[in-house]
Full PDB file with SEQRES, HELIX, SHEET, SSBOND, CRYST1, ORIGX, SCALE, CONECT and MASTER records, all heavy atoms in Angstrom:
SEQRES   1 A   32  THR THR ALA LEU LYS ALA THR GLU GLN LEU TYR LEU GLY          
SEQRES   2 A   32  LYS SER ASN ALA GLY VAL ASP GLY LEU GLY LEU ASP ASP          
SEQRES   3 A   32  TYR LEU ALA ALA THR GLY                                      
HELIX    1 AA1 THR A    2  LEU A   12  1                                  11    
HELIX    2 AA2 LEU A   24  THR A   31  1                                   8    
CRYST1    1.000    1.000    1.000  90.00  90.00  90.00 P 1           1          
ORIGX1      1.000000  0.000000  0.000000        0.00000                         
ORIGX2      0.000000  1.000000  0.000000        0.00000                         
ORIGX3      0.000000  0.000000  1.000000        0.00000                         
SCALE1      1.000000  0.000000  0.000000        0.00000                         
SCALE2      0.000000  1.000000  0.000000        0.00000                         
SCALE3      0.000000  0.000000  1.000000        0.00000                         
ATOM      1  N   THR A   1      15.186   1.834 -20.058  1.00  0.00           N  
ATOM      2  CA  THR A   1      15.143   3.297 -20.041  1.00  0.00           C  
ATOM      3  C   THR A   1      13.735   3.795 -19.764  1.00  0.00           C  
ATOM      4  O   THR A   1      13.531   4.729 -18.969  1.00  0.00           O  
ATOM      5  CB  THR A   1      15.642   3.857 -21.383  1.00  0.00           C  
ATOM      6  OG1 THR A   1      16.974   3.399 -21.626  1.00  0.00           O  
ATOM      7  CG2 THR A   1      15.644   5.376 -21.373  1.00  0.00           C  
ATOM      8  N   THR A   2      12.746   3.182 -20.402  1.00  0.00           N  
ATOM      9  CA  THR A   2      11.346   3.569 -20.164  1.00  0.00           C  
ATOM     10  C   THR A   2      10.954   3.333 -18.715  1.00  0.00           C  
ATOM     11  O   THR A   2      10.279   4.159 -18.096  1.00  0.00           O  
ATOM     12  CB  THR A   2      10.408   2.782 -21.089  1.00  0.00           C  
ATOM     13  OG1 THR A   2      10.772   3.027 -22.451  1.00  0.00           O  
ATOM     14  CG2 THR A   2       8.955   3.196 -20.883  1.00  0.00           C  
ATOM     15  N   ALA A   3      11.387   2.201 -18.150  1.00  0.00           N  
ATOM     16  CA  ALA A   3      11.067   1.880 -16.760  1.00  0.00           C  
ATOM     17  C   ALA A   3      11.663   2.915 -15.806  1.00  0.00           C  
ATOM     18  O   ALA A   3      11.000   3.360 -14.856  1.00  0.00           O  
ATOM     19  CB  ALA A   3      11.573   0.492 -16.416  1.00  0.00           C  
ATOM     20  N   LEU A   4      12.913   3.303 -16.047  1.00  0.00           N  
ATOM     21  CA  LEU A   4      13.562   4.269 -15.169  1.00  0.00           C  
ATOM     22  C   LEU A   4      12.923   5.652 -15.309  1.00  0.00           C  
ATOM     23  O   LEU A   4      12.730   6.364 -14.315  1.00  0.00           O  
ATOM     24  CB  LEU A   4      15.059   4.342 -15.478  1.00  0.00           C  
ATOM     25  CG  LEU A   4      15.906   5.139 -14.487  1.00  0.00           C  
ATOM     26  CD1 LEU A   4      15.762   4.588 -13.070  1.00  0.00           C  
ATOM     27  CD2 LEU A   4      17.373   5.132 -14.899  1.00  0.00           C  
ATOM     28  N   LYS A   5      12.571   6.036 -16.515  1.00  0.00           N  
ATOM     29  CA  LYS A   5      11.889   7.320 -16.720  1.00  0.00           C  
ATOM     30  C   LYS A   5      10.526   7.326 -16.021  1.00  0.00           C  
ATOM     31  O   LYS A   5      10.107   8.358 -15.481  1.00  0.00           O  
ATOM     32  CB  LYS A   5      11.705   7.585 -18.212  1.00  0.00           C  
ATOM     33  CG  LYS A   5      12.983   7.992 -18.932  1.00  0.00           C  
ATOM     34  CD  LYS A   5      12.717   8.268 -20.409  1.00  0.00           C  
ATOM     35  CE  LYS A   5      13.975   8.742 -21.116  1.00  0.00           C  
ATOM     36  NZ  LYS A   5      13.737   8.969 -22.567  1.00  0.00           N  
ATOM     37  N   ALA A   6       9.851   6.178 -16.022  1.00  0.00           N  
ATOM     38  CA  ALA A   6       8.556   6.096 -15.347  1.00  0.00           C  
ATOM     39  C   ALA A   6       8.715   6.266 -13.837  1.00  0.00           C  
ATOM     40  O   ALA A   6       7.864   6.888 -13.181  1.00  0.00           O  
ATOM     41  CB  ALA A   6       7.887   4.761 -15.663  1.00  0.00           C  
ATOM     42  N   THR A   7       9.790   5.720 -13.278  1.00  0.00           N  
ATOM     43  CA  THR A   7      10.058   5.899 -11.852  1.00  0.00           C  
ATOM     44  C   THR A   7      10.314   7.363 -11.538  1.00  0.00           C  
ATOM     45  O   THR A   7       9.785   7.907 -10.557  1.00  0.00           O  
ATOM     46  CB  THR A   7      11.282   5.067 -11.427  1.00  0.00           C  
ATOM     47  OG1 THR A   7      11.080   3.706 -11.788  1.00  0.00           O  
ATOM     48  CG2 THR A   7      11.505   5.153  -9.926  1.00  0.00           C  
ATOM     49  N   GLU A   8      11.122   8.001 -12.363  1.00  0.00           N  
ATOM     50  CA  GLU A   8      11.387   9.434 -12.188  1.00  0.00           C  
ATOM     51  C   GLU A   8      10.090  10.233 -12.307  1.00  0.00           C  
ATOM     52  O   GLU A   8       9.845  11.167 -11.528  1.00  0.00           O  
ATOM     53  CB  GLU A   8      12.397   9.902 -13.225  1.00  0.00           C  
ATOM     54  CG  GLU A   8      12.750  11.380 -13.111  1.00  0.00           C  
ATOM     55  CD  GLU A   8      13.658  11.851 -14.230  1.00  0.00           C  
ATOM     56  OE1 GLU A   8      13.446  11.424 -15.394  1.00  0.00           O  
ATOM     57  OE2 GLU A   8      14.566  12.665 -13.969  1.00  0.00           O  
ATOM     58  N   GLN A   9       9.247   9.877 -13.273  1.00  0.00           N  
ATOM     59  CA  GLN A   9       7.974  10.574 -13.482  1.00  0.00           C  
ATOM     60  C   GLN A   9       7.091  10.479 -12.245  1.00  0.00           C  
ATOM     61  O   GLN A   9       6.505  11.481 -11.812  1.00  0.00           O  
ATOM     62  CB  GLN A   9       7.240   9.984 -14.683  1.00  0.00           C  
ATOM     63  CG  GLN A   9       5.867  10.602 -14.923  1.00  0.00           C  
ATOM     64  CD  GLN A   9       5.030   9.814 -15.910  1.00  0.00           C  
ATOM     65  OE1 GLN A   9       5.418   8.748 -16.379  1.00  0.00           O  
ATOM     66  NE2 GLN A   9       3.845  10.324 -16.224  1.00  0.00           N  
ATOM     67  N   LEU A  10       6.985   9.289 -11.669  1.00  0.00           N  
ATOM     68  CA  LEU A  10       6.192   9.119 -10.457  1.00  0.00           C  
ATOM     69  C   LEU A  10       6.758   9.959  -9.327  1.00  0.00           C  
ATOM     70  O   LEU A  10       6.014  10.640  -8.610  1.00  0.00           O  
ATOM     71  CB  LEU A  10       6.152   7.644 -10.055  1.00  0.00           C  
ATOM     72  CG  LEU A  10       5.516   7.323  -8.700  1.00  0.00           C  
ATOM     73  CD1 LEU A  10       4.072   7.811  -8.645  1.00  0.00           C  
ATOM     74  CD2 LEU A  10       5.589   5.822  -8.417  1.00  0.00           C  
ATOM     75  N   TYR A  11       8.067   9.923  -9.158  1.00  0.00           N  
ATOM     76  CA  TYR A  11       8.699  10.703  -8.087  1.00  0.00           C  
ATOM     77  C   TYR A  11       8.392  12.200  -8.243  1.00  0.00           C  
ATOM     78  O   TYR A  11       8.085  12.889  -7.265  1.00  0.00           O  
ATOM     79  CB  TYR A  11      10.210  10.474  -8.089  1.00  0.00           C  
ATOM     80  CG  TYR A  11      10.943  11.353  -7.104  1.00  0.00           C  
ATOM     81  CD1 TYR A  11      10.924  11.073  -5.746  1.00  0.00           C  
ATOM     82  CD2 TYR A  11      11.611  12.494  -7.543  1.00  0.00           C  
ATOM     83  CE1 TYR A  11      11.552  11.913  -4.833  1.00  0.00           C  
ATOM     84  CE2 TYR A  11      12.253  13.340  -6.638  1.00  0.00           C  
ATOM     85  CZ  TYR A  11      12.217  13.044  -5.283  1.00  0.00           C  
ATOM     86  OH  TYR A  11      12.836  13.884  -4.379  1.00  0.00           O  
ATOM     87  N   LEU A  12       8.450  12.694  -9.483  1.00  0.00           N  
ATOM     88  CA  LEU A  12       8.245  14.120  -9.736  1.00  0.00           C  
ATOM     89  C   LEU A  12       6.772  14.509  -9.807  1.00  0.00           C  
ATOM     90  O   LEU A  12       6.453  15.700  -9.785  1.00  0.00           O  
ATOM     91  CB  LEU A  12       8.931  14.519 -11.046  1.00  0.00           C  
ATOM     92  CG  LEU A  12      10.459  14.403 -11.086  1.00  0.00           C  
ATOM     93  CD1 LEU A  12      10.970  14.685 -12.490  1.00  0.00           C  
ATOM     94  CD2 LEU A  12      11.101  15.355 -10.074  1.00  0.00           C  
ATOM     95  N   GLY A  13       5.897  13.512  -9.924  1.00  0.00           N  
ATOM     96  CA  GLY A  13       4.475  13.818 -10.052  1.00  0.00           C  
ATOM     97  C   GLY A  13       4.117  14.425 -11.397  1.00  0.00           C  
ATOM     98  O   GLY A  13       3.138  15.167 -11.514  1.00  0.00           O  
ATOM     99  N   LYS A  14       4.878  14.086 -12.430  1.00  0.00           N  
ATOM    100  CA  LYS A  14       4.626  14.633 -13.768  1.00  0.00           C  
ATOM    101  C   LYS A  14       3.574  13.802 -14.496  1.00  0.00           C  
ATOM    102  O   LYS A  14       3.629  12.572 -14.494  1.00  0.00           O  
ATOM    103  CB  LYS A  14       5.910  14.659 -14.603  1.00  0.00           C  
ATOM    104  CG  LYS A  14       6.821  15.828 -14.297  1.00  0.00           C  
ATOM    105  CD  LYS A  14       7.931  15.939 -15.331  1.00  0.00           C  
ATOM    106  CE  LYS A  14       8.782  17.180 -15.073  1.00  0.00           C  
ATOM    107  NZ  LYS A  14       9.856  17.329 -16.084  1.00  0.00           N  
ATOM    108  N   SER A  15       2.649  14.476 -15.133  1.00  0.00           N  
ATOM    109  CA  SER A  15       1.615  13.786 -15.888  1.00  0.00           C  
ATOM    110  C   SER A  15       2.221  13.118 -17.115  1.00  0.00           C  
ATOM    111  O   SER A  15       3.363  13.407 -17.505  1.00  0.00           O  
ATOM    112  CB  SER A  15       0.533  14.770 -16.337  1.00  0.00           C  
ATOM    113  OG  SER A  15       1.026  15.605 -17.376  1.00  0.00           O  
ATOM    114  N   ASN A  16       1.458  12.242 -17.741  1.00  0.00           N  
ATOM    115  CA  ASN A  16       1.939  11.594 -18.957  1.00  0.00           C  
ATOM    116  C   ASN A  16       2.167  12.600 -20.074  1.00  0.00           C  
ATOM    117  O   ASN A  16       2.913  12.325 -21.019  1.00  0.00           O  
ATOM    118  CB  ASN A  16       0.939  10.522 -19.410  1.00  0.00           C  
ATOM    119  CG  ASN A  16       1.023   9.270 -18.545  1.00  0.00           C  
ATOM    120  OD1 ASN A  16       1.752   9.234 -17.552  1.00  0.00           O  
ATOM    121  ND2 ASN A  16       0.287   8.242 -18.909  1.00  0.00           N  
ATOM    122  N   ALA A  17       1.540  13.774 -19.949  1.00  0.00           N  
ATOM    123  CA  ALA A  17       1.742  14.837 -20.932  1.00  0.00           C  
ATOM    124  C   ALA A  17       2.919  15.737 -20.568  1.00  0.00           C  
ATOM    125  O   ALA A  17       3.229  16.693 -21.284  1.00  0.00           O  
ATOM    126  CB  ALA A  17       0.467  15.676 -21.060  1.00  0.00           C  
ATOM    127  N   GLY A  18       3.587  15.437 -19.437  1.00  0.00           N  
ATOM    128  CA  GLY A  18       4.767  16.202 -19.045  1.00  0.00           C  
ATOM    129  C   GLY A  18       4.491  17.392 -18.150  1.00  0.00           C  
ATOM    130  O   GLY A  18       5.392  18.195 -17.872  1.00  0.00           O  
ATOM    131  N   VAL A  19       3.255  17.533 -17.669  1.00  0.00           N  
ATOM    132  CA  VAL A  19       2.901  18.649 -16.779  1.00  0.00           C  
ATOM    133  C   VAL A  19       3.316  18.309 -15.357  1.00  0.00           C  
ATOM    134  O   VAL A  19       2.956  17.255 -14.828  1.00  0.00           O  
ATOM    135  CB  VAL A  19       1.389  18.940 -16.844  1.00  0.00           C  
ATOM    136  CG1 VAL A  19       1.025  20.073 -15.883  1.00  0.00           C  
ATOM    137  CG2 VAL A  19       0.977  19.285 -18.266  1.00  0.00           C  
ATOM    138  N   ASP A  20       4.056  19.217 -14.732  1.00  0.00           N  
ATOM    139  CA  ASP A  20       4.560  18.973 -13.379  1.00  0.00           C  
ATOM    140  C   ASP A  20       3.458  19.209 -12.353  1.00  0.00           C  
ATOM    141  O   ASP A  20       2.832  20.268 -12.328  1.00  0.00           O  
ATOM    142  CB  ASP A  20       5.743  19.903 -13.102  1.00  0.00           C  
ATOM    143  CG  ASP A  20       6.505  19.509 -11.840  1.00  0.00           C  
ATOM    144  OD1 ASP A  20       6.255  18.396 -11.335  1.00  0.00           O  
ATOM    145  OD2 ASP A  20       7.337  20.308 -11.372  1.00  0.00           O  
ATOM    146  N   GLY A  21       3.211  18.183 -11.525  1.00  0.00           N  
ATOM    147  CA  GLY A  21       2.228  18.301 -10.459  1.00  0.00           C  
ATOM    148  C   GLY A  21       2.823  17.869  -9.137  1.00  0.00           C  
ATOM    149  O   GLY A  21       4.030  17.607  -9.036  1.00  0.00           O  
ATOM    150  N   LEU A  22       1.989  17.781  -8.122  1.00  0.00           N  
ATOM    151  CA  LEU A  22       2.489  17.385  -6.808  1.00  0.00           C  
ATOM    152  C   LEU A  22       2.981  15.942  -6.838  1.00  0.00           C  
ATOM    153  O   LEU A  22       2.292  15.037  -7.292  1.00  0.00           O  
ATOM    154  CB  LEU A  22       1.379  17.522  -5.757  1.00  0.00           C  
ATOM    155  CG  LEU A  22       1.063  18.923  -5.241  1.00  0.00           C  
ATOM    156  CD1 LEU A  22      -0.069  18.854  -4.231  1.00  0.00           C  
ATOM    157  CD2 LEU A  22       2.285  19.575  -4.615  1.00  0.00           C  
ATOM    158  N   GLY A  23       4.210  15.743  -6.336  1.00  0.00           N  
ATOM    159  CA  GLY A  23       4.798  14.418  -6.287  1.00  0.00           C  
ATOM    160  C   GLY A  23       5.608  14.238  -5.025  1.00  0.00           C  
ATOM    161  O   GLY A  23       5.615  15.103  -4.130  1.00  0.00           O  
ATOM    162  N   LEU A  24       6.313  13.144  -4.955  1.00  0.00           N  
ATOM    163  CA  LEU A  24       7.160  12.877  -3.792  1.00  0.00           C  
ATOM    164  C   LEU A  24       8.262  13.919  -3.654  1.00  0.00           C  
ATOM    165  O   LEU A  24       8.725  14.194  -2.544  1.00  0.00           O  
ATOM    166  CB  LEU A  24       7.762  11.476  -3.910  1.00  0.00           C  
ATOM    167  CG  LEU A  24       6.758  10.313  -3.841  1.00  0.00           C  
ATOM    168  CD1 LEU A  24       7.444   8.997  -4.221  1.00  0.00           C  
ATOM    169  CD2 LEU A  24       6.148  10.210  -2.447  1.00  0.00           C  
ATOM    170  N   ASP A  25       8.677  14.501  -4.765  1.00  0.00           N  
ATOM    171  CA  ASP A  25       9.697  15.554  -4.704  1.00  0.00           C  
ATOM    172  C   ASP A  25       9.196  16.742  -3.901  1.00  0.00           C  
ATOM    173  O   ASP A  25       9.927  17.312  -3.076  1.00  0.00           O  
ATOM    174  CB  ASP A  25      10.121  15.989  -6.114  1.00  0.00           C  
ATOM    175  CG  ASP A  25       8.969  16.589  -6.913  1.00  0.00           C  
ATOM    176  OD1 ASP A  25       7.807  16.139  -6.754  1.00  0.00           O  
ATOM    177  OD2 ASP A  25       9.230  17.501  -7.717  1.00  0.00           O  
ATOM    178  N   ASP A  26       7.933  17.116  -4.109  1.00  0.00           N  
ATOM    179  CA  ASP A  26       7.365  18.244  -3.368  1.00  0.00           C  
ATOM    180  C   ASP A  26       7.194  17.900  -1.887  1.00  0.00           C  
ATOM    181  O   ASP A  26       7.400  18.753  -1.015  1.00  0.00           O  
ATOM    182  CB  ASP A  26       6.007  18.616  -3.966  1.00  0.00           C  
ATOM    183  CG  ASP A  26       6.122  19.027  -5.424  1.00  0.00           C  
ATOM    184  OD1 ASP A  26       6.696  20.084  -5.693  1.00  0.00           O  
ATOM    185  OD2 ASP A  26       5.660  18.254  -6.282  1.00  0.00           O  
ATOM    186  N   TYR A  27       6.822  16.655  -1.635  1.00  0.00           N  
ATOM    187  CA  TYR A  27       6.663  16.201  -0.250  1.00  0.00           C  
ATOM    188  C   TYR A  27       8.004  16.285   0.475  1.00  0.00           C  
ATOM    189  O   TYR A  27       8.103  16.809   1.601  1.00  0.00           O  
ATOM    190  CB  TYR A  27       6.146  14.766  -0.266  1.00  0.00           C  
ATOM    191  CG  TYR A  27       5.423  14.310   0.977  1.00  0.00           C  
ATOM    192  CD1 TYR A  27       4.578  13.205   0.928  1.00  0.00           C  
ATOM    193  CD2 TYR A  27       5.578  14.951   2.208  1.00  0.00           C  
ATOM    194  CE1 TYR A  27       3.905  12.749   2.061  1.00  0.00           C  
ATOM    195  CE2 TYR A  27       4.913  14.501   3.337  1.00  0.00           C  
ATOM    196  CZ  TYR A  27       4.085  13.406   3.256  1.00  0.00           C  
ATOM    197  OH  TYR A  27       3.419  12.960   4.384  1.00  0.00           O  
ATOM    198  N   LEU A  28       9.059  15.787  -0.162  1.00  0.00           N  
ATOM    199  CA  LEU A  28      10.389  15.844   0.449  1.00  0.00           C  
ATOM    200  C   LEU A  28      10.860  17.288   0.613  1.00  0.00           C  
ATOM    201  O   LEU A  28      11.431  17.652   1.641  1.00  0.00           O  
ATOM    202  CB  LEU A  28      11.393  15.079  -0.405  1.00  0.00           C  
ATOM    203  CG  LEU A  28      11.615  13.600  -0.101  1.00  0.00           C  
ATOM    204  CD1 LEU A  28      12.739  13.061  -0.966  1.00  0.00           C  
ATOM    205  CD2 LEU A  28      11.925  13.381   1.372  1.00  0.00           C  
ATOM    206  N   ALA A  29      10.630  18.096  -0.412  1.00  0.00           N  
ATOM    207  CA  ALA A  29      11.058  19.496  -0.343  1.00  0.00           C  
ATOM    208  C   ALA A  29      10.375  20.211   0.820  1.00  0.00           C  
ATOM    209  O   ALA A  29      10.977  21.061   1.493  1.00  0.00           O  
ATOM    210  CB  ALA A  29      10.762  20.206  -1.660  1.00  0.00           C  
ATOM    211  N   ALA A  30       9.111  19.860   1.079  1.00  0.00           N  
ATOM    212  CA  ALA A  30       8.371  20.496   2.174  1.00  0.00           C  
ATOM    213  C   ALA A  30       8.972  20.162   3.532  1.00  0.00           C  
ATOM    214  O   ALA A  30       8.845  20.935   4.485  1.00  0.00           O  
ATOM    215  CB  ALA A  30       6.903  20.064   2.133  1.00  0.00           C  
ATOM    216  N   THR A  31       9.652  19.017   3.633  1.00  0.00           N  
ATOM    217  CA  THR A  31      10.279  18.648   4.904  1.00  0.00           C  
ATOM    218  C   THR A  31      11.609  19.360   5.103  1.00  0.00           C  
ATOM    219  O   THR A  31      12.117  19.424   6.221  1.00  0.00           O  
ATOM    220  CB  THR A  31      10.535  17.130   4.970  1.00  0.00           C  
ATOM    221  OG1 THR A  31      11.581  16.771   4.047  1.00  0.00           O  
ATOM    222  CG2 THR A  31       9.270  16.347   4.663  1.00  0.00           C  
ATOM    223  N   GLY A  32      12.196  19.840   4.004  1.00  0.00           N  
ATOM    224  CA  GLY A  32      13.518  20.470   4.098  1.00  0.00           C  
ATOM    225  C   GLY A  32      14.632  19.482   4.362  1.00  0.00           C  
ATOM    226  O   GLY A  32      15.747  19.871   4.746  1.00  0.00           O  
TER     227      GLY A  32                                                      
MASTER        0    0    0    2    0    0    0    6  226    1    0    3          
END                                                                             
């Protein structure tokens, strides 16, 4: 579970404190 959450965290660009930053999700969203 921790491993999968870490993958999701990297994809979303969320800090270890839970702050949302630029991630692969934003990159994909920018492509439409």
